[in-house]
């Protein structure tokens, strides 16, 4: 990679570097010249930890043509962010994903890639994509919940990805994908969660006290669930669980790793474009589904019909893609979803890396509702217009907290409805084997079981 020609830092986004990326990616002919650009920063200075994102408008010299607007994603330059990216494989994974054929082979809709550059070992990363900001995307998808037709499209696309690597990740999966339990990135994640679980629970209690969550959300059983998930169950899984293709009893697929509404763009009434492939890894099929439910089912207790419809769409697509229904029955999929909520707990604790940026801005009374920060304006150079609106970020801080606590509330409701704490204890008692169906079906939500299914006899 020619470092001088790629915009790895914000100040590197210039006419010359954007022109180089478009030419290198084959999106504009070599004789087309970019005359000027204008840049608008999309990510916040205060709250970003994993990416800096920009909208770049492109103006060509007379007679030239190409994309008029692109989305640029760079990695933060501060030491802690780069260290996290290195340990967790973010830049390595996403760069390799876009260089692979995985999306096309699974019919997974993604934005058009104009350029992707990465320097191994240095977390110098640049991704130039089709700008799709006009589509519904980001946190509003999680706040409102994704409409049912788009939700169905999302889980069907996920099923196509899972089916292609179902119990075959070791044999035909990408070597750059993280292997859950057996790679540095997951050992680091788990250790970070274990060290921060008490701070996480204290923060949730503060949010409950400040009115961001209903009083009584953080009950003793839920506090115990979070602690047991990261300090006992996931440690047990690390030491004892073995994939089926290696002689064990645990189903494994290639996971998206962050399959939630915030990482989706809704195209029309029945399509979904998926983004953010930094966490692609080998894991249980239930993990991606559990994360999706926690970010999409706005009221788990009253939307059981919606939940079942989503799971049915996923399962039907999985079967249509060649997964054996006898080897992978419906109730086994439900059991894996229930255990998948333990990984959602892990991801939520890891979200604390965003929280220090917020707490530094708390006022003297520590009132989270009054956090505010001003954004520094950018400067304009070299035919490049850089714009940034100086504004009070109180609203943004509250949005982040509201989104975060909404995800926690949904997780709490789902963990209770699916008896995940019981599943964890049962799984640990079982050892390296997956619990027998006659033991776990009693803990599944009755509304999710197939019609006519009798848990006591395992007959229909």
Protein backbone atom coordinates (compact mmCIF):
# COMPACT_ATOMS: atom_id res chain seq x y z
CA UNK A 1 0.00 0.00 0.00
CA UNK A 2 1.33 3.41 -1.00
CA UNK A 3 0.96 5.26 2.30
CA UNK A 4 1.34 8.69 0.72
CA UNK A 5 -1.65 8.15 -1.58
CA UNK A 6 -4.18 6.72 0.90
CA UNK A 7 -6.18 8.80 3.41
CA UNK A 8 -5.43 6.90 6.60
CA UNK A 9 -5.97 10.04 8.73
CA UNK A 10 -8.55 12.78 8.56
CA UNK A 11 -6.07 15.36 7.30
CA UNK A 12 -5.14 12.94 4.49
CA UNK A 13 -8.58 13.19 2.89
CA UNK A 14 -7.67 15.38 -0.06
CA UNK A 15 -8.45 15.71 -3.75
CA UNK A 16 -5.35 13.67 -4.61
CA UNK A 17 -6.04 10.79 -2.20
CA UNK A 18 -9.74 10.48 -3.09
CA UNK A 19 -8.82 10.48 -6.78
CA UNK A 20 -6.20 7.79 -6.17
CA UNK A 21 -8.68 5.57 -4.28
CA UNK A 22 -11.32 5.82 -7.01
CA UNK A 23 -8.78 5.09 -9.74
CA UNK A 24 -7.18 2.25 -7.79
CA UNK A 25 -10.57 0.68 -7.18
CA UNK A 26 -11.41 0.91 -10.87
CA UNK A 27 -14.42 3.15 -10.29
CA UNK A 28 -13.19 5.99 -12.47
CA UNK A 29 -10.91 5.85 -15.56
CA UNK A 30 -7.30 6.89 -15.08
CA UNK A 31 -7.82 10.02 -17.18
CA UNK A 32 -10.75 11.31 -15.07
CA UNK A 33 -9.67 14.09 -12.75
CA UNK A 34 -11.23 15.08 -9.43
CA UNK A 35 -11.33 18.88 -9.27
CA UNK A 36 -12.42 19.43 -5.69
CA UNK A 37 -14.14 17.76 -2.76
CA UNK A 38 -16.10 18.76 0.31
CA UNK A 39 -16.09 16.78 3.54
CA UNK A 40 -18.66 16.38 6.28
CA UNK A 41 -17.76 14.43 9.38
CA UNK A 42 -20.43 11.91 10.38
CA UNK A 43 -18.97 10.48 13.59
CA UNK A 44 -18.65 12.45 16.79
CA UNK A 45 -15.27 13.53 18.12
CA UNK A 46 -16.31 12.65 21.64
CA UNK A 47 -17.95 9.26 21.29
CA UNK A 48 -16.09 7.39 18.55
CA UNK A 49 -13.75 4.59 19.52
CA UNK A 50 -13.80 2.22 16.55
CA UNK A 51 -14.15 4.42 13.48
CA UNK A 52 -14.09 7.93 12.08
CA UNK A 53 -16.63 8.33 9.30
CA UNK A 54 -17.10 11.01 6.66
CA UNK A 55 -19.34 11.94 3.76
CA UNK A 56 -17.24 13.21 0.84
CA UNK A 57 -18.85 15.10 -2.05
CA UNK A 58 -16.81 14.84 -5.26
CA UNK A 59 -16.70 17.36 -8.10
CA UNK A 60 -14.99 16.27 -11.32
CA UNK A 61 -13.20 18.32 -13.95
CA UNK A 62 -15.14 19.00 -17.14
CA UNK A 63 -15.95 15.81 -19.01
CA UNK A 64 -15.23 13.55 -16.02
CA UNK A 65 -17.73 11.44 -14.15
CA UNK A 66 -17.86 8.99 -11.26
CA UNK A 67 -19.48 8.65 -7.83
CA UNK A 68 -20.67 12.08 -6.72
CA UNK A 69 -20.63 11.14 -3.06
CA UNK A 70 -18.75 8.49 -1.06
CA UNK A 71 -18.62 7.24 2.51
CA UNK A 72 -15.12 7.11 4.02
CA UNK A 73 -14.27 5.09 7.12
CA UNK A 74 -10.94 5.47 8.92
CA UNK A 75 -9.65 4.19 12.26
CA UNK A 76 -8.97 6.59 15.16
CA UNK A 77 -5.32 7.52 15.62
CA UNK A 78 -5.17 7.61 19.43
CA UNK A 79 -3.12 4.87 21.06
CA UNK A 80 -5.87 3.13 23.05
CA UNK A 81 -8.17 2.82 20.02
CA UNK A 82 -5.38 1.45 17.85
CA UNK A 83 -4.39 -1.03 20.54
CA UNK A 84 -7.99 -2.26 20.85
CA UNK A 85 -8.20 -2.58 17.08
CA UNK A 86 -4.99 -4.61 17.01
CA UNK A 87 -5.99 -6.95 19.86
CA UNK A 88 -9.50 -7.53 18.54
CA UNK A 89 -8.59 -7.77 14.87
CA UNK A 90 -11.05 -5.10 13.66
CA UNK A 91 -9.08 -3.64 10.76
CA UNK A 92 -7.60 -7.01 9.79
CA UNK A 93 -11.05 -8.65 9.71
CA UNK A 94 -12.95 -5.95 7.85
CA UNK A 95 -10.24 -5.45 5.23
CA UNK A 96 -10.13 -9.18 4.54
CA UNK A 97 -13.91 -9.44 4.39
CA UNK A 98 -14.16 -6.82 1.66
CA UNK A 99 -11.32 -8.49 -0.23
CA UNK A 100 -13.13 -11.86 -0.06
CA UNK A 101 -16.06 -13.24 -2.06
CA UNK A 102 -18.14 -14.05 1.02
CA UNK A 103 -20.85 -11.44 0.47
CA UNK A 104 -21.51 -12.41 -3.15
CA UNK A 105 -21.36 -16.16 -2.46
CA UNK A 106 -24.02 -15.78 0.27
CA UNK A 107 -26.12 -13.21 -1.61
CA UNK A 108 -25.47 -10.83 1.28
CA UNK A 109 -26.32 -7.25 0.31
CA UNK A 110 -23.57 -4.74 1.12
CA UNK A 111 -22.74 -1.25 -0.10
CA UNK A 112 -20.57 -1.00 -3.23
CA UNK A 113 -16.90 -0.91 -2.28
CA UNK A 114 -14.84 1.69 -4.16
CA UNK A 115 -11.60 1.09 -2.27
CA UNK A 116 -10.27 -0.73 0.79
CA UNK A 117 -6.68 -0.25 1.98
CA UNK A 118 -4.97 -1.66 5.06
CA UNK A 119 -1.41 -1.83 6.40
CA UNK A 120 -1.06 -5.03 8.45
CA UNK A 121 0.08 -4.55 12.01
CA UNK A 122 -0.31 -0.78 12.03
CA UNK A 123 -4.10 -0.37 12.10
CA UNK A 124 -3.87 2.01 9.13
CA UNK A 125 -7.23 1.41 7.48
CA UNK A 126 -9.25 3.19 4.80
CA UNK A 127 -12.60 2.08 3.41
CA UNK A 128 -14.38 4.02 0.65
CA UNK A 129 -17.97 2.90 0.09
CA UNK A 130 -21.09 3.88 -1.76
CA UNK A 131 -22.80 6.64 0.25
CA UNK A 132 -26.20 5.34 1.41
CA UNK A 133 -27.00 7.95 4.02
CA UNK A 134 -30.44 8.50 2.47
CA UNK A 135 -31.54 5.03 3.62
CA UNK A 136 -32.87 4.50 7.17
CA UNK A 137 -29.85 3.40 9.18
CA UNK A 138 -28.03 3.53 12.49
CA UNK A 139 -29.50 3.87 15.96
CA UNK A 140 -33.07 4.78 14.82
CA UNK A 141 -33.37 1.20 13.53
CA UNK A 142 -32.77 -0.03 17.06
CA UNK A 143 -34.88 2.58 18.83
CA UNK A 144 -37.97 1.99 16.67
CA UNK A 145 -37.27 -1.60 15.70
CA UNK A 146 -36.91 -2.72 12.09
CA UNK A 147 -40.21 -3.26 10.20
CA UNK A 148 -41.16 -6.91 9.84
CA UNK A 149 -40.49 -7.27 6.07
CA UNK A 150 -36.98 -5.84 6.52
CA UNK A 151 -36.43 -8.02 9.60
CA UNK A 152 -37.34 -11.10 7.57
CA UNK A 153 -34.93 -10.06 4.83
CA UNK A 154 -32.19 -9.52 7.42
CA UNK A 155 -32.47 -12.95 9.06
CA UNK A 156 -32.81 -14.72 5.73
CA UNK A 157 -29.55 -13.16 4.57
CA UNK A 158 -27.98 -14.18 7.87
CA UNK A 159 -29.23 -17.75 7.38
CA UNK A 160 -27.54 -17.88 3.96
CA UNK A 161 -24.25 -16.88 5.57
CA UNK A 162 -24.66 -19.40 8.40
CA UNK A 163 -25.74 -22.23 6.09
CA UNK A 164 -22.69 -21.92 3.87
CA UNK A 165 -20.35 -22.55 6.82
CA UNK A 166 -22.63 -24.66 9.03
CA UNK A 167 -20.29 -26.95 10.99
CA UNK A 168 -17.64 -26.36 8.36
CA UNK A 169 -15.90 -23.18 9.44
CA UNK A 170 -12.62 -24.93 10.14
CA UNK A 171 -12.65 -26.70 6.79
CA UNK A 172 -13.85 -23.96 4.43
CA UNK A 173 -14.05 -20.78 6.48
CA UNK A 174 -11.65 -17.87 6.05
CA UNK A 175 -8.39 -18.17 7.97
CA UNK A 176 -8.59 -14.51 8.99
CA UNK A 177 -11.89 -15.02 10.84
CA UNK A 178 -11.60 -15.16 14.61
CA UNK A 179 -12.14 -18.55 16.20
CA UNK A 180 -14.28 -18.06 19.28
CA UNK A 181 -12.67 -19.22 22.55
CA UNK A 182 -9.39 -20.00 20.79
CA UNK A 183 -7.94 -16.67 19.67
CA UNK A 184 -6.31 -13.73 21.36
CA UNK A 185 -9.11 -11.37 20.38
CA UNK A 186 -11.73 -13.32 22.34
CA UNK A 187 -9.50 -13.98 25.30
CA UNK A 188 -8.92 -10.22 25.46
CA UNK A 189 -12.64 -9.45 25.15
CA UNK A 190 -13.56 -11.88 27.91
CA UNK A 191 -10.85 -10.60 30.23
CA UNK A 192 -11.93 -6.99 29.68
CA UNK A 193 -15.55 -7.94 30.45
CA UNK A 194 -14.56 -9.79 33.61
CA UNK A 195 -12.56 -6.83 34.87
CA UNK A 196 -15.38 -4.38 34.12
CA UNK A 197 -18.54 -6.27 35.01
CA UNK A 198 -18.91 -4.60 38.43
CA UNK A 199 -18.39 -1.13 36.93
CA UNK A 200 -20.93 -2.01 34.23
CA UNK A 201 -23.54 -3.09 36.77
CA UNK A 202 -22.90 0.03 38.85
CA UNK A 203 -23.40 2.19 35.76
CA UNK A 204 -26.70 0.46 34.98
CA UNK A 205 -27.91 1.10 38.52
CA UNK A 206 -27.00 4.78 38.09
CA UNK A 207 -28.93 4.90 34.81
CA UNK A 208 -31.90 3.31 36.57
CA UNK A 209 -31.64 5.94 39.32
CA UNK A 210 -31.50 8.76 36.75
CA UNK A 211 -34.63 7.53 34.96
CA UNK A 212 -33.09 6.03 31.81
CA UNK A 213 -34.40 2.58 32.82
CA UNK A 214 -37.53 1.66 34.77
CA UNK A 215 -36.96 1.30 38.50
CA UNK A 216 -36.52 -2.37 39.40
CA UNK A 217 -34.83 -3.40 36.13
CA UNK A 218 -31.56 -4.35 37.82
CA UNK A 219 -32.88 -7.04 40.14
CA UNK A 220 -30.70 -9.56 41.94
CA UNK A 221 -31.35 -12.26 39.34
CA UNK A 222 -30.29 -9.99 36.49
CA UNK A 223 -27.16 -8.81 38.30
CA UNK A 224 -26.30 -12.48 38.89
CA UNK A 225 -26.95 -13.28 35.22
CA UNK A 226 -24.39 -10.74 33.97
CA UNK A 227 -21.80 -11.88 36.51
CA UNK A 228 -22.34 -15.59 35.85
CA UNK A 229 -22.31 -15.09 32.08
CA UNK A 230 -18.83 -13.55 31.92
CA UNK A 231 -17.22 -15.04 35.02
CA UNK A 232 -18.52 -18.61 34.78
CA UNK A 233 -20.41 -19.66 31.65
CA UNK A 234 -18.19 -18.11 28.98
CA UNK A 235 -15.11 -19.34 30.84
CA UNK A 236 -16.65 -22.82 30.87
CA UNK A 237 -17.35 -22.56 27.14
CA UNK A 238 -13.77 -21.46 26.52
CA UNK A 239 -12.35 -24.48 28.29
CA UNK A 240 -14.85 -27.21 27.44
CA UNK A 241 -16.81 -26.64 24.22
CA UNK A 242 -15.61 -28.22 20.96
CA UNK A 243 -17.14 -27.71 17.46
CA UNK A 244 -18.92 -30.67 15.87
CA UNK A 245 -16.52 -30.74 12.95
CA UNK A 246 -13.70 -31.34 15.45
CA UNK A 247 -15.51 -34.17 17.23
CA UNK A 248 -17.52 -32.15 19.77
CA UNK A 249 -21.25 -31.48 20.10
CA UNK A 250 -21.47 -27.75 19.42
CA UNK A 251 -22.77 -26.27 16.18
CA UNK A 252 -20.58 -23.53 14.71
CA UNK A 253 -21.07 -21.12 11.82
CA UNK A 254 -19.43 -17.98 10.51
CA UNK A 255 -21.00 -15.17 12.58
CA UNK A 256 -21.35 -11.54 11.58
CA UNK A 257 -20.56 -10.78 15.22
CA UNK A 258 -22.53 -7.52 15.53
CA UNK A 259 -25.78 -8.30 13.71
CA UNK A 260 -27.97 -5.49 15.02
CA UNK A 261 -30.19 -2.79 13.61
CA UNK A 262 -27.49 -0.12 13.90
CA UNK A 263 -25.40 -2.03 11.36
CA UNK A 264 -28.15 -2.26 8.76
CA UNK A 265 -29.56 0.06 6.11
CA UNK A 266 -33.18 -0.45 5.09
CA UNK A 267 -33.70 -0.43 1.33
CA UNK A 268 -37.36 -0.08 0.50
CA UNK A 269 -39.88 -2.21 2.34
CA UNK A 270 -38.23 -5.60 2.00
CA UNK A 271 -34.44 -5.34 1.65
CA UNK A 272 -31.58 -4.87 4.08
CA UNK A 273 -28.00 -3.83 3.37
CA UNK A 274 -25.60 -5.08 6.04
CA UNK A 275 -22.45 -3.23 7.10
CA UNK A 276 -19.64 -3.31 9.71
CA UNK A 277 -17.79 -6.60 9.33
CA UNK A 278 -15.12 -6.01 11.98
CA UNK A 279 -16.28 -8.90 14.16
CA UNK A 280 -16.69 -11.78 11.69
CA UNK A 281 -15.86 -14.94 13.63
CA UNK A 282 -16.73 -18.57 14.27
CA UNK A 283 -19.46 -19.04 16.87
CA UNK A 284 -22.82 -20.62 17.62
CA UNK A 285 -25.67 -19.77 15.19
CA UNK A 286 -27.69 -18.51 18.16
CA UNK A 287 -25.33 -15.63 18.91
CA UNK A 288 -26.13 -13.56 15.81
CA UNK A 289 -29.86 -14.22 16.25
CA UNK A 290 -29.78 -13.27 19.95
CA UNK A 291 -27.99 -9.99 19.19
CA UNK A 292 -30.54 -9.22 16.47
CA UNK A 293 -33.49 -9.85 18.80
CA UNK A 294 -32.00 -7.64 21.54
CA UNK A 295 -31.64 -4.74 19.11
CA UNK A 296 -34.87 -5.23 17.17
CA UNK A 297 -37.69 -6.56 19.35
CA UNK A 298 -38.82 -3.35 21.03
CA UNK A 299 -41.14 -5.08 23.52
CA UNK A 300 -40.15 -8.75 23.97
CA UNK A 301 -43.08 -9.54 26.27
CA UNK A 302 -45.80 -8.38 23.87
CA UNK A 303 -44.10 -9.22 20.56
CA UNK A 304 -43.80 -12.98 20.89
CA UNK A 305 -45.59 -13.46 17.56
CA UNK A 306 -43.07 -11.19 15.85
CA UNK A 307 -40.19 -13.03 17.51
CA UNK A 308 -41.46 -16.39 16.35
CA UNK A 309 -42.03 -15.12 12.80
CA UNK A 310 -38.45 -13.86 12.63
CA UNK A 311 -37.05 -17.14 13.96
CA UNK A 312 -39.21 -19.14 11.54
CA UNK A 313 -37.93 -17.13 8.58
CA UNK A 314 -34.34 -17.73 9.67
CA UNK A 315 -34.87 -21.46 10.26
CA UNK A 316 -36.78 -22.03 7.01
CA UNK A 317 -34.00 -20.36 5.00
CA UNK A 318 -31.40 -22.43 6.84
CA UNK A 319 -33.25 -25.63 5.90
CA UNK A 320 -33.70 -24.46 2.30
CA UNK A 321 -29.92 -23.98 2.09
CA UNK A 322 -29.15 -27.57 2.96
CA UNK A 323 -29.00 -27.77 6.76
CA UNK A 324 -30.55 -31.06 7.95
CA UNK A 325 -33.68 -30.52 10.08
CA UNK A 326 -33.17 -33.89 11.78
CA UNK A 327 -29.62 -33.02 12.76
CA UNK A 328 -30.63 -29.47 13.66
CA UNK A 329 -34.22 -29.49 14.99
CA UNK A 330 -36.17 -26.34 15.76
CA UNK A 331 -35.86 -26.74 19.53
CA UNK A 332 -32.05 -27.03 19.27
CA UNK A 333 -31.97 -23.72 17.43
CA UNK A 334 -34.10 -22.16 20.19
CA UNK A 335 -31.72 -23.48 22.84
CA UNK A 336 -28.73 -21.93 21.05
CA UNK A 337 -30.54 -18.59 20.83
CA UNK A 338 -31.16 -18.68 24.57
CA UNK A 339 -27.46 -19.28 25.26
CA UNK A 340 -26.65 -16.60 22.68
CA UNK A 341 -27.90 -13.92 25.09
CA UNK A 342 -24.76 -14.56 27.16
CA UNK A 343 -22.70 -13.12 24.31
CA UNK A 344 -25.00 -10.12 24.12
CA UNK A 345 -24.17 -9.56 27.81
CA UNK A 346 -20.47 -9.74 26.93
CA UNK A 347 -20.89 -7.21 24.09
CA UNK A 348 -22.81 -4.82 26.34
CA UNK A 349 -20.05 -4.81 28.94
CA UNK A 350 -17.50 -4.14 26.20
CA UNK A 351 -19.60 -1.10 25.23
CA UNK A 352 -18.19 0.54 28.37
CA UNK A 353 -15.27 1.67 26.19
CA UNK A 354 -17.63 4.41 24.99
CA UNK A 355 -18.70 5.43 28.46
CA UNK A 356 -15.46 7.05 29.75
CA UNK A 357 -15.77 9.64 26.98
CA UNK A 358 -19.19 10.51 28.36
CA UNK A 359 -18.36 10.48 32.04
CA UNK A 360 -15.48 12.90 31.49
CA UNK A 361 -18.08 15.41 30.38
CA UNK A 362 -20.39 15.00 33.37
CA UNK A 363 -21.07 18.19 35.26
CA UNK A 364 -20.13 18.71 38.89
CA UNK A 365 -23.30 16.99 40.06
CA UNK A 366 -22.73 13.97 37.83
CA UNK A 367 -26.10 14.55 36.19
CA UNK A 368 -26.04 12.49 32.99
CA UNK A 369 -28.87 14.53 31.51
CA UNK A 370 -26.69 17.64 31.40
CA UNK A 371 -23.57 16.32 29.66
CA UNK A 372 -22.42 18.64 26.90
CA UNK A 373 -19.41 19.15 24.66
CA UNK A 374 -18.58 21.50 21.81
CA UNK A 375 -17.11 20.15 18.58
CA UNK A 376 -14.04 21.85 17.16
CA UNK A 377 -14.46 23.10 13.57
CA UNK A 378 -12.26 21.60 10.87
CA UNK A 379 -10.07 23.68 8.58
CA UNK A 380 -10.21 23.85 4.79
CA UNK A 381 -7.12 23.21 2.63
CA UNK A 382 -6.14 22.13 -0.86
CA UNK A 383 -9.49 22.54 -2.68
CA UNK A 384 -11.06 20.64 0.19
CA UNK A 385 -14.02 22.10 2.05
CA UNK A 386 -14.25 20.75 5.59
CA UNK A 387 -17.44 21.51 7.46
CA UNK A 388 -18.48 20.73 10.99
CA UNK A 389 -21.37 22.28 12.87
CA UNK A 390 -20.46 23.36 16.38
CA UNK A 391 -23.25 22.16 18.63
CA UNK A 392 -24.22 21.10 22.10
CA UNK A 393 -23.83 17.34 22.37
CA UNK A 394 -26.19 16.93 25.31
CA UNK A 395 -28.78 15.48 22.94
CA UNK A 396 -26.21 13.11 21.42
CA UNK A 397 -25.07 11.93 24.85
CA UNK A 398 -28.65 11.26 25.91
CA UNK A 399 -29.31 9.42 22.65
CA UNK A 400 -26.35 7.13 23.24
CA UNK A 401 -27.48 6.39 26.79
CA UNK A 402 -31.10 5.85 25.75
CA UNK A 403 -30.05 3.50 22.95
CA UNK A 404 -27.72 1.60 25.25
CA UNK A 405 -30.24 1.23 28.07
CA UNK A 406 -32.99 0.21 25.61
CA UNK A 407 -30.76 -2.64 24.48
CA UNK A 408 -30.17 -3.62 28.11
CA UNK A 409 -33.90 -3.54 28.90
CA UNK A 410 -34.68 -5.79 25.95
CA UNK A 411 -31.90 -8.18 26.93
CA UNK A 412 -33.23 -8.35 30.48
CA UNK A 413 -36.73 -9.16 29.22
CA UNK A 414 -35.48 -11.78 26.77
CA UNK A 415 -33.16 -13.43 29.29
CA UNK A 416 -36.10 -13.84 31.65
CA UNK A 417 -38.52 -15.04 28.97
CA UNK A 418 -36.01 -17.57 27.63
CA UNK A 419 -34.75 -18.76 31.06
CA UNK A 420 -31.18 -18.18 29.95
CA UNK A 421 -29.83 -18.35 33.50
CA UNK A 422 -31.26 -21.90 33.78
CA UNK A 423 -29.65 -22.79 30.44
CA UNK A 424 -26.27 -21.53 31.59
CA UNK A 425 -26.35 -23.65 34.73
CA UNK A 426 -27.55 -26.68 32.79
CA UNK A 427 -24.81 -26.24 30.17
CA UNK A 428 -22.13 -26.01 32.86
CA UNK A 429 -23.48 -29.11 34.61
CA UNK A 430 -23.42 -31.00 31.31
CA UNK A 431 -19.71 -30.37 30.81
CA UNK A 432 -18.34 -30.49 27.27
CA UNK A 433 -21.55 -32.02 25.84
CA UNK A 434 -24.55 -30.01 24.73
CA UNK A 435 -27.48 -30.58 27.15
CA UNK A 436 -29.95 -33.28 26.10
CA UNK A 437 -33.22 -32.07 24.61
CA UNK A 438 -35.30 -33.70 27.35
CA UNK A 439 -33.44 -31.52 29.85
CA UNK A 440 -33.53 -28.17 28.11
CA UNK A 441 -36.93 -28.04 26.36
CA UNK A 442 -38.67 -27.39 29.69
CA UNK A 443 -36.91 -24.03 29.86
CA UNK A 444 -37.84 -22.86 26.35
CA UNK A 445 -40.67 -20.30 25.98
CA UNK A 446 -43.81 -22.32 25.23
CA UNK A 447 -44.87 -19.73 22.64
CA UNK A 448 -41.72 -20.53 20.64
CA UNK A 449 -42.19 -24.32 20.54
CA UNK A 450 -43.68 -25.97 17.48
CA UNK A 451 -47.41 -26.59 17.50
CA UNK A 452 -48.19 -29.96 19.01
CA UNK A 453 -44.75 -30.36 20.51
CA UNK A 454 -44.77 -32.11 23.89
CA UNK A 455 -41.56 -31.43 25.86
CA UNK A 456 -42.17 -34.30 28.27
CA UNK A 457 -42.15 -36.96 25.56
CA UNK A 458 -40.28 -35.12 22.78
CA UNK A 459 -43.03 -36.22 20.39
CA UNK A 460 -45.37 -34.43 18.00
